[in-house]
Amino acid sequence: MGGRSEFIEKYFETISDLKTRRFGVATMDWRGQGLSERLLPVREKGHIQDFGVFRSDLRLFVTAVVRKRLPPPYILLTHSMGGAPALQMLADGDDSFCAAVLCAPMTRLFDGLMRRIAIRLLAAGATRVGLSRHAIAGVKEHSMAFEGNNLTSDRARHSRFRDLQSAAPNATIREPTYGWVRAAIEAMDDLHRPGRFSKLKTPVLIVSAEHDRLVRTSDHRWIAAQSPLIDCVTIKDALHEILMERDEIRARFWTAFDAFVEPKIATAAEMTQA
């Protein structure tokens, strides 16, 4: 499950990596982006009113698509924004997966406290005066120019996603709306409620990027400390989009992925045979 502003085709290389590991792969474009239904007449706006919609869509996708087309056991793999509703769903007690790997999950935005406070106040104030559907002006689009981007240090993979967006502008979104930001903050706050992970049944690996400038990696360690079922590793030298990074950085991710996932699959297979 991808992140904000992403679409399925961006992950063809990751899907190939999974197929090499003999996985079948099911994925979808989140509601409001990619080629899924848009929520506003202006397609380029990234909008959602409540991340509960994402959780509901993910549960339906698992039930109506994954379970009907692919045999178990199932592994959940997410990136960035996709990790927030997925982690909420798992914290609700969902037991569809034998393991989950969350790549740079959006559990808190930014390291700077003042920046987090400012965006919270801005989103709350704007939605209160009826600007929920208005895009936030001045948000830099890091996927279009490689120099100074905070997503990946791999020029070729950065260019590839830019070319994909140019080839399929109807799959692309740009600035988030104030409503999207408010909904994201509410989802992240929910993950920090006392006892939120008391119903967690699924082993979770959070994979952090060492040089992430979009999500707060130190918060990943806090989340991991809330349950013995959550582990956390940091990928050295990585920017936010670990799966779009240089080969040597991606290799570190897949080493961590394999070490975490393989014993979970073996255990699930043993339980199925028993």
Protein backbone atom coordinates (compact mmCIF):
# COMPACT_ATOMS: atom_id res chain seq x y z
CA MET A 1 0.00 0.00 0.00
CA GLY A 2 1.58 3.22 -1.23
CA GLY A 3 1.82 6.67 0.25
CA ARG A 4 0.23 10.04 -0.41
CA SER A 5 0.29 11.11 -4.07
CA GLU A 6 1.53 7.71 -5.25
CA PHE A 7 -0.08 5.21 -7.61
CA ILE A 8 0.35 1.52 -8.35
CA GLU A 9 2.66 1.88 -11.36
CA LYS A 10 5.33 3.59 -9.25
CA TYR A 11 5.97 0.28 -7.48
CA PHE A 12 6.56 -2.02 -10.45
CA GLU A 13 10.14 -2.61 -9.25
CA THR A 14 9.03 -3.43 -5.71
CA ILE A 15 6.37 -5.77 -7.08
CA SER A 16 9.06 -7.50 -9.12
CA ASP A 17 11.22 -7.84 -5.98
CA LEU A 18 8.28 -9.46 -4.18
CA LYS A 19 7.54 -11.82 -7.06
CA THR A 20 11.21 -12.88 -7.03
CA ARG A 21 10.55 -13.88 -3.42
CA ARG A 22 7.60 -15.97 -4.70
CA PHE A 23 4.91 -13.64 -3.40
CA GLY A 24 1.69 -12.99 -5.20
CA VAL A 25 1.00 -9.25 -5.00
CA ALA A 26 -2.26 -7.37 -4.55
CA THR A 27 -2.33 -3.58 -4.42
CA MET A 28 -4.67 -0.67 -5.00
CA ASP A 29 -4.71 3.10 -5.42
CA TRP A 30 -6.04 4.74 -2.27
CA ARG A 31 -9.37 6.53 -2.64
CA GLY A 32 -8.75 10.08 -3.84
CA GLN A 33 -5.51 9.40 -5.73
CA GLY A 34 -4.08 7.41 -8.60
CA LEU A 35 -6.87 6.09 -10.81
CA SER A 36 -9.27 5.54 -7.92
CA GLU A 37 -12.35 7.68 -7.42
CA ARG A 38 -11.50 11.32 -6.72
CA LEU A 39 -13.30 13.15 -3.96
CA LEU A 40 -13.17 16.65 -5.47
CA PRO A 41 -13.92 18.02 -8.96
CA VAL A 42 -10.31 19.23 -9.24
CA ARG A 43 -8.44 15.93 -9.59
CA GLU A 44 -5.04 17.33 -8.62
CA LYS A 45 -6.12 18.08 -5.05
CA GLY A 46 -5.22 15.42 -2.50
CA HIS A 47 -8.23 15.23 -0.20
CA ILE A 48 -9.84 13.06 2.45
CA GLN A 49 -12.12 13.96 5.35
CA ASP A 50 -11.38 10.99 7.59
CA PHE A 51 -8.69 8.29 7.49
CA GLY A 52 -11.41 5.93 8.65
CA VAL A 53 -12.39 5.81 4.97
CA PHE A 54 -8.92 4.47 4.14
CA ARG A 55 -9.20 1.81 6.85
CA SER A 56 -12.62 0.78 5.59
CA ASP A 57 -11.35 0.56 2.02
CA LEU A 58 -8.33 -1.51 3.08
CA ARG A 59 -10.51 -3.96 5.02
CA LEU A 60 -12.82 -4.32 2.02
CA PHE A 61 -9.86 -4.80 -0.32
CA VAL A 62 -8.50 -7.60 1.86
CA THR A 63 -11.90 -9.31 2.05
CA ALA A 64 -13.11 -8.84 -1.52
CA VAL A 65 -9.85 -9.09 -3.45
CA VAL A 66 -6.92 -10.52 -1.50
CA ARG A 67 -8.66 -13.43 0.21
CA LYS A 68 -10.62 -14.37 -2.91
CA ARG A 69 -7.66 -14.33 -5.30
CA LEU A 70 -4.56 -15.23 -3.30
CA PRO A 71 -3.86 -18.04 -0.82
CA PRO A 72 -2.60 -17.29 2.70
CA PRO A 73 -0.42 -16.47 4.54
CA TYR A 74 -0.56 -12.73 3.90
CA ILE A 75 2.04 -10.02 4.48
CA LEU A 76 1.11 -6.34 4.63
CA LEU A 77 3.67 -3.93 3.14
CA THR A 78 3.07 -0.16 3.29
CA HIS A 79 4.87 3.09 2.63
CA SER A 80 4.51 6.46 4.39
CA MET A 81 0.86 7.56 4.52
CA GLY A 82 -0.29 4.02 3.84
CA GLY A 83 1.22 2.98 7.15
CA ALA A 84 -1.13 5.19 9.21
CA PRO A 85 -4.52 3.61 8.37
CA ALA A 86 -2.86 0.18 8.14
CA LEU A 87 -1.41 0.50 11.64
CA GLN A 88 -4.73 1.76 12.96
CA MET A 89 -6.46 -1.27 11.43
CA LEU A 90 -3.93 -3.64 12.98
CA ALA A 91 -4.26 -1.87 16.34
CA ASP A 92 -8.02 -2.46 16.13
CA GLY A 93 -7.22 -6.19 16.33
CA ASP A 94 -7.35 -7.15 12.66
CA ASP A 95 -5.64 -10.53 12.24
CA SER A 96 -5.65 -10.87 8.43
CA PHE A 97 -1.85 -10.86 8.18
CA CYS A 98 0.87 -13.02 9.66
CA ALA A 99 3.22 -9.99 9.56
CA ALA A 100 3.30 -6.34 8.54
CA VAL A 101 6.24 -4.28 7.32
CA LEU A 102 5.70 -0.52 7.45
CA CYS A 103 8.22 1.47 5.43
CA ALA A 104 8.71 5.01 6.82
CA PRO A 105 5.15 5.05 8.21
CA MET A 106 3.46 8.39 8.79
CA THR A 107 3.00 8.25 12.56
CA ARG A 108 4.17 11.85 13.17
CA LEU A 109 5.13 14.56 10.69
CA PHE A 110 8.48 16.35 10.81
CA ASP A 111 11.10 16.55 13.55
CA GLY A 112 10.59 20.22 14.37
CA LEU A 113 8.07 20.82 17.16
CA MET A 114 7.21 24.34 16.01
CA ARG A 115 6.60 23.13 12.48
CA ARG A 116 4.23 20.44 13.74
CA ILE A 117 2.36 22.95 15.91
CA ALA A 118 2.09 25.42 13.03
CA ILE A 119 0.65 22.88 10.57
CA ARG A 120 -1.79 21.64 13.22
CA LEU A 121 -3.07 25.15 13.95
CA LEU A 122 -3.22 26.03 10.25
CA ALA A 123 -5.26 22.95 9.36
CA ALA A 124 -7.61 23.37 12.33
CA GLY A 125 -8.19 27.05 11.61
CA ALA A 126 -8.71 26.61 7.88
CA THR A 127 -11.21 23.77 8.25
CA ARG A 128 -13.07 25.68 10.94
CA VAL A 129 -13.75 28.55 8.51
CA GLY A 130 -14.84 26.25 5.69
CA LEU A 131 -11.60 25.83 3.75
CA SER A 132 -11.38 22.06 4.18
CA ARG A 133 -11.38 21.44 0.42
CA HIS A 134 -8.85 24.13 -0.41
CA ALA A 135 -5.31 23.05 -1.29
CA ILE A 136 -2.47 24.30 0.87
CA ALA A 137 -0.52 26.76 -1.24
CA GLY A 138 3.26 26.72 -1.41
CA VAL A 139 3.87 23.03 -0.70
CA LYS A 140 7.00 22.03 -2.61
CA GLU A 141 6.54 19.11 -5.01
CA HIS A 142 9.71 17.08 -4.43
CA SER A 143 8.92 14.49 -7.09
CA MET A 144 9.45 16.89 -10.00
CA ALA A 145 13.03 18.17 -9.53
CA PHE A 146 15.84 15.92 -8.32
CA GLU A 147 18.09 18.65 -6.94
CA GLY A 148 17.16 19.39 -3.33
CA ASN A 149 14.42 16.74 -3.14
CA ASN A 150 13.82 15.01 0.20
CA LEU A 151 12.50 11.72 -1.20
CA THR A 152 15.40 9.77 -2.72
CA SER A 153 19.10 10.08 -3.52
CA ASP A 154 18.67 7.90 -6.63
CA ARG A 155 18.45 10.15 -9.68
CA ALA A 156 17.24 7.43 -12.06
CA ARG A 157 14.35 6.29 -9.84
CA HIS A 158 13.39 9.90 -9.12
CA SER A 159 13.29 10.63 -12.87
CA ARG A 160 11.27 7.49 -13.50
CA PHE A 161 8.45 8.60 -11.21
CA ARG A 162 8.50 12.09 -12.75
CA ASP A 163 8.16 10.47 -16.19
CA LEU A 164 5.31 8.27 -14.96
CA GLN A 165 3.44 11.34 -13.74
CA SER A 166 3.96 13.07 -17.08
CA ALA A 167 2.69 10.00 -18.92
CA ALA A 168 -0.39 9.65 -16.70
CA PRO A 169 -1.38 13.10 -15.39
CA ASN A 170 -4.85 11.76 -14.55
CA ALA A 171 -3.20 9.54 -11.90
CA THR A 172 -1.34 12.41 -10.28
CA ILE A 173 -2.21 14.60 -7.30
CA ARG A 174 -0.35 17.62 -5.95
CA GLU A 175 -0.89 19.69 -2.82
CA PRO A 176 -2.95 18.22 0.04
CA THR A 177 -6.02 20.06 1.19
CA TYR A 178 -6.44 21.47 4.67
CA GLY A 179 -9.01 18.72 5.27
CA TRP A 180 -6.48 16.03 4.32
CA VAL A 181 -3.95 17.46 6.77
CA ARG A 182 -6.51 17.64 9.57
CA ALA A 183 -7.58 14.04 8.90
CA ALA A 184 -3.95 12.90 8.87
CA ILE A 185 -3.23 14.62 12.17
CA GLU A 186 -6.31 13.02 13.74
CA ALA A 187 -5.16 9.57 12.54
CA MET A 188 -1.66 10.12 13.90
CA ASP A 189 -3.06 11.36 17.21
CA ASP A 190 -5.17 8.22 17.39
CA LEU A 191 -2.03 6.07 17.17
CA HIS A 192 -0.71 7.82 20.30
CA ARG A 193 -3.73 7.21 22.52
CA PRO A 194 -2.85 5.33 25.72
CA GLY A 195 -3.37 1.59 25.28
CA ARG A 196 -3.98 1.91 21.53
CA PHE A 197 -2.02 -1.27 20.77
CA SER A 198 -3.53 -3.48 23.46
CA LYS A 199 -5.51 -5.40 20.79
CA LEU A 200 -2.63 -5.77 18.34
CA LYS A 201 -2.25 -9.38 17.14
CA THR A 202 0.09 -9.01 14.19
CA PRO A 203 3.91 -8.81 14.38
CA VAL A 204 4.94 -5.44 12.91
CA LEU A 205 8.30 -4.22 11.63
CA ILE A 206 8.69 -0.45 11.28
CA VAL A 207 11.48 0.43 8.85
CA SER A 208 12.74 3.99 9.35
CA ALA A 209 14.86 6.09 7.01
CA GLU A 210 17.95 7.54 8.70
CA HIS A 211 17.63 10.92 6.97
CA ASP A 212 13.85 11.21 6.73
CA ARG A 213 12.73 14.84 6.59
CA LEU A 214 9.01 14.15 6.16
CA VAL A 215 8.08 11.83 9.02
CA ARG A 216 9.59 11.80 12.51
CA THR A 217 11.72 8.67 12.78
CA SER A 218 12.18 9.04 16.55
CA ASP A 219 8.43 8.54 16.86
CA HIS A 220 8.80 5.12 15.25
CA ARG A 221 10.86 4.03 18.25
CA TRP A 222 8.15 5.37 20.57
CA ILE A 223 5.49 3.41 18.69
CA ALA A 224 7.64 0.26 18.84
CA ALA A 225 7.95 0.63 22.60
CA GLN A 226 4.17 0.42 22.97
CA SER A 227 3.95 -3.30 22.12
CA PRO A 228 6.24 -6.34 22.24
CA LEU A 229 4.84 -7.22 18.79
CA ILE A 230 6.40 -4.12 17.17
CA ASP A 231 10.06 -4.00 16.10
CA CYS A 232 11.89 -1.07 14.56
CA VAL A 233 14.99 -0.86 12.36
CA THR A 234 16.64 2.13 10.71
CA ILE A 235 18.06 2.01 7.18
CA LYS A 236 21.38 3.82 7.06
CA ASP A 237 21.72 6.71 4.56
CA ALA A 238 18.10 6.46 3.39
CA LEU A 239 15.81 9.36 2.61
CA HIS A 240 12.05 9.02 3.02
CA GLU A 241 11.31 6.81 0.02
CA ILE A 242 13.42 3.81 1.01
CA LEU A 243 12.02 1.60 -1.76
CA MET A 244 12.99 4.24 -4.36
CA GLU A 245 16.52 4.66 -3.03
CA ARG A 246 19.90 3.59 -4.43
CA ASP A 247 20.52 -0.14 -4.88
CA GLU A 248 22.71 -0.52 -1.79
CA ILE A 249 20.09 1.19 0.39
CA ARG A 250 17.25 -0.89 -1.04
CA ALA A 251 19.32 -4.00 -0.38
CA ARG A 252 19.45 -3.07 3.32
CA PHE A 253 15.67 -2.79 3.34
CA TRP A 254 15.19 -6.20 1.72
CA THR A 255 17.66 -7.79 4.15
CA ALA A 256 15.56 -6.48 7.06
CA PHE A 257 12.33 -7.49 5.31
CA ASP A 258 13.49 -11.06 4.68
CA ALA A 259 14.85 -11.55 8.19
CA PHE A 260 11.54 -10.43 9.70
CA VAL A 261 9.08 -12.01 7.29
CA GLU A 262 10.52 -15.45 6.55
CA PRO A 263 10.12 -16.93 10.06
CA LYS A 264 6.58 -15.51 10.28
CA ILE A 265 5.65 -17.24 7.02
CA ALA A 266 7.21 -20.50 8.20
CA THR A 267 5.25 -20.36 11.45
CA ALA A 268 2.01 -19.59 9.61
CA ALA A 269 2.62 -22.50 7.23
CA GLU A 270 3.22 -24.87 10.14
CA MET A 271 0.00 -23.76 11.82
CA THR A 272 -1.92 -24.28 8.57
CA GLN A 273 -0.55 -27.83 8.18
CA ALA A 274 -1.34 -28.65 11.80
